[in-house]
Amino acid sequence: MKTNTIAVIPARGGSKRIPRKNIKDFLGKPIIAYSIEAALASGIFDVVMVSTDDEEIAEIAKKYGAEVPFLRSAETSSDYATADSVLIEVLAEYAKTGKTFSHLCCIYSCAPFITSDRLKEAMNLLIDCKADSVLPVVKFSFPPQRCLVIRDEKVFMLNLENFSKRSQDLEPLYHDAGQFYCYKTDALLSKNHSPYKHTLPIILSDIEVQDIDTPDDWTAAELKYRLLTKTERGNS
């Protein structure tokens, strides 16, 4: 299925914890290349673009096939800019050229585990079910209901009523997989827009997910990616 859709990959230049994070080498190529290539390979987007304030990131993005028709404004490049403000700016800039989009996918720039199949699955779910948004999620590996806190140098269970409950009897809880999310643009631009108002999930496995916020995360992601791709090759 292909409709009037755009993939937006935000990639600000001012990464703090991992310098130049968006274009840092990840197993042989800039990490942003994985997001661009997955979006292009999905065949479901009319436009795949990178929103950045950085000339070097822009050049690398174009090398891997993404559009970079403009640089991001100072307002949406600050530490306090929201993801939605970046997306709204992109839609407004394209609208100036006469291009509008019915659906949008915001793809994280440091998410090498994204696949074209997952993007197609999400966009088809969004369009076929007429949802406002679709979000990949992953189950917490340990029940948060049984979490511990440290107070006055002592360990306590935050919710003691869950102490004797079996893990399998607790409601499964999930968190954002940190890879991408898909929107119906009318919902995004609505004055009454709120997250999770009519959002459908795609449930991912632990092996498909890795936050990359610290150097240790980066090392873990490379190890997990090698394992995942080795497993896929072994099954092919």
Protein backbone atom coordinates (compact mmCIF):
# COMPACT_ATOMS: atom_id res chain seq x y z
CA MET A 1 0.00 0.00 0.00
CA LYS A 2 1.30 3.45 -0.84
CA THR A 3 -0.48 6.67 0.04
CA ASN A 4 0.42 10.33 0.43
CA THR A 5 3.03 9.77 3.13
CA ILE A 6 6.27 11.24 4.41
CA ALA A 7 9.01 9.81 6.62
CA VAL A 8 10.76 12.41 8.76
CA ILE A 9 14.07 11.56 10.42
CA PRO A 10 15.01 14.24 12.99
CA ALA A 11 18.79 14.51 13.39
CA ARG A 12 19.96 17.51 15.39
CA GLY A 13 23.67 18.22 15.43
CA GLY A 14 24.02 18.99 19.13
CA SER A 15 24.23 15.55 20.74
CA LYS A 16 25.72 15.84 24.24
CA ARG A 17 26.32 12.36 25.72
CA ILE A 18 27.58 10.79 22.50
CA PRO A 19 29.20 13.53 20.35
CA ARG A 20 28.07 13.52 16.69
CA LYS A 21 25.83 10.62 17.62
CA ASN A 22 23.59 10.75 14.55
CA ILE A 23 26.47 10.17 12.13
CA LYS A 24 28.80 8.12 14.34
CA ASP A 25 29.99 4.90 12.71
CA PHE A 26 27.85 1.90 13.63
CA LEU A 27 29.33 -1.32 12.29
CA GLY A 28 30.63 0.23 9.10
CA LYS A 29 28.35 3.13 8.27
CA PRO A 30 26.81 6.22 9.91
CA ILE A 31 24.04 5.12 12.23
CA ILE A 32 21.51 7.42 10.54
CA ALA A 33 22.00 5.41 7.32
CA TYR A 34 20.09 2.47 8.83
CA SER A 35 16.96 4.58 9.34
CA ILE A 36 17.18 6.13 5.88
CA GLU A 37 17.71 2.78 4.17
CA ALA A 38 14.84 1.09 6.03
CA ALA A 39 12.46 3.93 5.10
CA LEU A 40 13.48 3.84 1.45
CA ALA A 41 13.34 0.05 1.27
CA SER A 42 9.81 -0.03 2.69
CA GLY A 43 8.50 1.59 -0.51
CA ILE A 44 5.61 3.08 1.43
CA PHE A 45 6.76 6.71 1.61
CA ASP A 46 6.43 9.35 -1.09
CA VAL A 47 9.16 11.36 0.64
CA VAL A 48 11.97 10.32 2.98
CA MET A 49 13.57 13.41 4.50
CA VAL A 50 16.00 14.32 7.26
CA SER A 51 15.33 17.35 9.45
CA THR A 52 18.64 18.72 10.69
CA ASP A 53 20.40 21.94 11.57
CA ASP A 54 23.81 20.51 10.66
CA GLU A 55 25.43 20.73 7.21
CA GLU A 56 27.55 17.59 7.67
CA ILE A 57 24.54 15.53 8.72
CA ALA A 58 22.64 16.92 5.74
CA GLU A 59 25.34 15.84 3.30
CA ILE A 60 25.53 12.32 4.76
CA ALA A 61 21.75 12.03 4.70
CA LYS A 62 21.64 12.98 1.03
CA LYS A 63 24.43 10.52 0.27
CA TYR A 64 22.23 7.70 1.57
CA GLY A 65 19.19 8.86 -0.42
CA ALA A 66 17.19 11.15 1.86
CA GLU A 67 15.91 14.60 0.97
CA VAL A 68 17.15 17.59 2.95
CA PRO A 69 15.29 20.48 1.30
CA PHE A 70 15.94 22.92 4.14
CA LEU A 71 17.83 23.20 7.42
CA ARG A 72 15.94 23.18 10.66
CA SER A 73 15.22 26.53 12.31
CA ALA A 74 17.02 27.70 15.45
CA GLU A 75 13.76 27.36 17.38
CA THR A 76 13.36 23.66 16.59
CA SER A 77 17.08 22.99 17.07
CA SER A 78 17.21 23.98 20.73
CA ASP A 79 17.47 21.57 23.65
CA TYR A 80 13.87 22.41 24.54
CA ALA A 81 12.27 21.80 21.15
CA THR A 82 9.69 19.02 21.09
CA ALA A 83 9.54 16.29 18.47
CA ASP A 84 6.07 17.46 17.46
CA SER A 85 7.36 20.99 16.81
CA VAL A 86 9.97 19.54 14.44
CA LEU A 87 7.32 17.55 12.55
CA ILE A 88 4.96 20.52 12.32
CA GLU A 89 7.78 22.67 10.94
CA VAL A 90 8.53 20.04 8.29
CA LEU A 91 4.89 19.88 7.20
CA ALA A 92 4.70 23.68 7.06
CA GLU A 93 7.84 23.95 4.93
CA TYR A 94 6.63 21.36 2.44
CA ALA A 95 3.21 23.04 2.33
CA LYS A 96 4.94 26.22 1.11
CA THR A 97 5.98 24.26 -1.98
CA GLY A 98 2.50 22.85 -2.50
CA LYS A 99 3.20 19.41 -0.99
CA THR A 100 0.90 18.07 1.71
CA PHE A 101 0.80 14.65 3.34
CA SER A 102 -2.03 12.63 4.82
CA HIS A 103 0.22 10.43 6.97
CA LEU A 104 3.62 10.86 8.59
CA CYS A 105 6.19 8.59 10.18
CA CYS A 106 8.79 10.03 12.52
CA ILE A 107 11.81 7.72 12.46
CA TYR A 108 14.56 8.03 15.04
CA SER A 109 18.02 8.65 13.60
CA CYS A 110 19.78 6.26 16.01
CA ALA A 111 17.64 3.16 15.63
CA PRO A 112 19.52 0.57 13.56
CA PHE A 113 17.06 -2.19 14.51
CA ILE A 114 14.28 -0.63 12.43
CA THR A 115 13.29 -2.74 9.44
CA SER A 116 11.35 -1.91 6.31
CA ASP A 117 8.85 -4.64 7.21
CA ARG A 118 8.10 -3.05 10.59
CA LEU A 119 7.59 0.33 8.95
CA LYS A 120 5.18 -1.16 6.43
CA GLU A 121 3.33 -3.01 9.17
CA ALA A 122 2.93 0.19 11.19
CA MET A 123 1.84 2.39 8.30
CA ASN A 124 -0.64 -0.20 7.02
CA LEU A 125 -2.09 -0.54 10.52
CA LEU A 126 -2.37 3.24 10.84
CA ILE A 127 -4.14 3.64 7.50
CA ASP A 128 -6.31 0.50 7.46
CA CYS A 129 -7.57 0.98 11.03
CA LYS A 130 -7.97 4.76 10.66
CA ALA A 131 -6.02 5.31 13.89
CA ASP A 132 -4.51 8.63 14.96
CA SER A 133 -1.12 7.03 15.55
CA VAL A 134 0.82 3.78 15.82
CA LEU A 135 3.62 3.19 18.32
CA PRO A 136 6.08 0.28 18.61
CA VAL A 137 6.31 -0.88 22.22
CA VAL A 138 8.28 -3.50 24.14
CA LYS A 139 7.34 -5.29 27.33
CA PHE A 140 9.30 -4.46 30.48
CA SER A 141 11.62 -7.42 31.12
CA PHE A 142 10.89 -7.25 34.87
CA PRO A 143 7.48 -6.27 36.31
CA PRO A 144 7.67 -2.58 37.34
CA GLN A 145 4.96 -3.32 39.93
CA ARG A 146 7.64 -5.10 41.95
CA CYS A 147 10.24 -2.36 41.74
CA LEU A 148 12.50 -1.47 44.67
CA VAL A 149 13.56 1.93 45.98
CA ILE A 150 16.47 2.92 48.21
CA ARG A 151 15.66 5.34 51.02
CA ASP A 152 17.91 6.17 53.95
CA GLU A 153 20.37 3.55 52.63
CA LYS A 154 17.75 0.80 52.92
CA VAL A 155 15.90 -1.13 50.23
CA PHE A 156 12.10 -1.05 50.13
CA MET A 157 9.50 -2.42 47.76
CA LEU A 158 7.58 0.56 46.41
CA ASN A 159 4.29 -1.32 46.25
CA LEU A 160 4.46 -3.89 49.04
CA GLU A 161 1.05 -5.31 48.12
CA ASN A 162 2.74 -6.92 45.10
CA PHE A 163 5.34 -8.77 47.18
CA SER A 164 3.51 -12.11 47.27
CA LYS A 165 2.00 -11.88 43.79
CA ARG A 166 3.38 -14.06 41.06
CA SER A 167 4.96 -12.18 38.16
CA GLN A 168 2.60 -13.87 35.70
CA ASP A 169 -0.40 -12.56 37.65
CA LEU A 170 0.64 -8.92 37.23
CA GLU A 171 -0.61 -6.93 34.26
CA PRO A 172 2.03 -6.78 31.50
CA LEU A 173 3.42 -3.25 31.16
CA TYR A 174 5.15 -1.80 28.11
CA HIS A 175 7.33 1.14 27.17
CA ASP A 176 8.07 3.06 23.99
CA ALA A 177 10.55 1.08 21.89
CA GLY A 178 12.31 4.33 20.88
CA GLN A 179 12.38 3.60 17.15
CA PHE A 180 9.61 5.42 15.31
CA TYR A 181 5.99 6.48 15.51
CA CYS A 182 3.39 7.03 12.82
CA TYR A 183 0.76 9.76 12.68
CA LYS A 184 -2.27 10.76 10.73
CA THR A 185 -1.24 14.34 10.02
CA ASP A 186 -4.69 15.76 10.77
CA ALA A 187 -4.41 14.30 14.27
CA LEU A 188 -0.93 15.73 14.75
CA LEU A 189 -2.01 19.20 13.65
CA SER A 190 -5.27 19.18 15.61
CA LYS A 191 -5.64 21.75 18.39
CA ASN A 192 -6.92 18.90 20.56
CA HIS A 193 -3.94 16.69 19.78
CA SER A 194 -2.82 14.52 22.66
CA PRO A 195 -0.60 11.43 22.66
CA TYR A 196 -2.24 8.01 22.99
CA LYS A 197 -5.75 9.31 22.26
CA HIS A 198 -6.28 6.69 19.56
CA THR A 199 -2.93 4.95 19.34
CA LEU A 200 -2.44 1.34 18.25
CA PRO A 201 0.58 -0.71 19.35
CA ILE A 202 3.05 -2.87 17.53
CA ILE A 203 4.70 -5.16 20.07
CA LEU A 204 8.43 -5.76 19.56
CA SER A 205 10.68 -8.34 21.20
CA ASP A 206 13.62 -7.40 23.43
CA ILE A 207 16.11 -8.44 20.75
CA GLU A 208 14.69 -5.80 18.38
CA VAL A 209 15.08 -2.93 20.83
CA GLN A 210 18.02 -1.03 22.33
CA ASP A 211 18.12 2.52 23.66
CA ILE A 212 21.33 4.26 22.60
CA ASP A 213 21.94 7.13 25.01
CA THR A 214 25.38 6.34 26.45
CA PRO A 215 28.65 4.78 25.19
CA ASP A 216 27.73 1.56 27.03
CA ASP A 217 24.38 1.54 25.21
CA TRP A 218 26.24 1.91 21.93
CA THR A 219 28.43 -1.12 22.67
CA ALA A 220 25.38 -3.15 23.70
CA ALA A 221 23.57 -2.15 20.51
CA GLU A 222 26.44 -3.29 18.30
CA LEU A 223 26.63 -6.64 20.11
CA LYS A 224 22.87 -7.13 19.87
CA TYR A 225 22.80 -6.10 16.21
CA ARG A 226 25.54 -8.61 15.36
CA LEU A 227 23.61 -11.33 17.19
CA LEU A 228 20.34 -10.42 15.48
CA THR A 229 21.78 -10.34 11.99
CA LYS A 230 23.73 -13.55 12.59
CA THR A 231 20.52 -15.26 13.70
CA GLU A 232 18.65 -13.99 10.65
CA ARG A 233 21.38 -15.27 8.33
CA GLY A 234 21.29 -18.63 10.06
CA ASN A 235 17.53 -18.89 9.52
CA SER A 236 17.64 -17.89 5.87
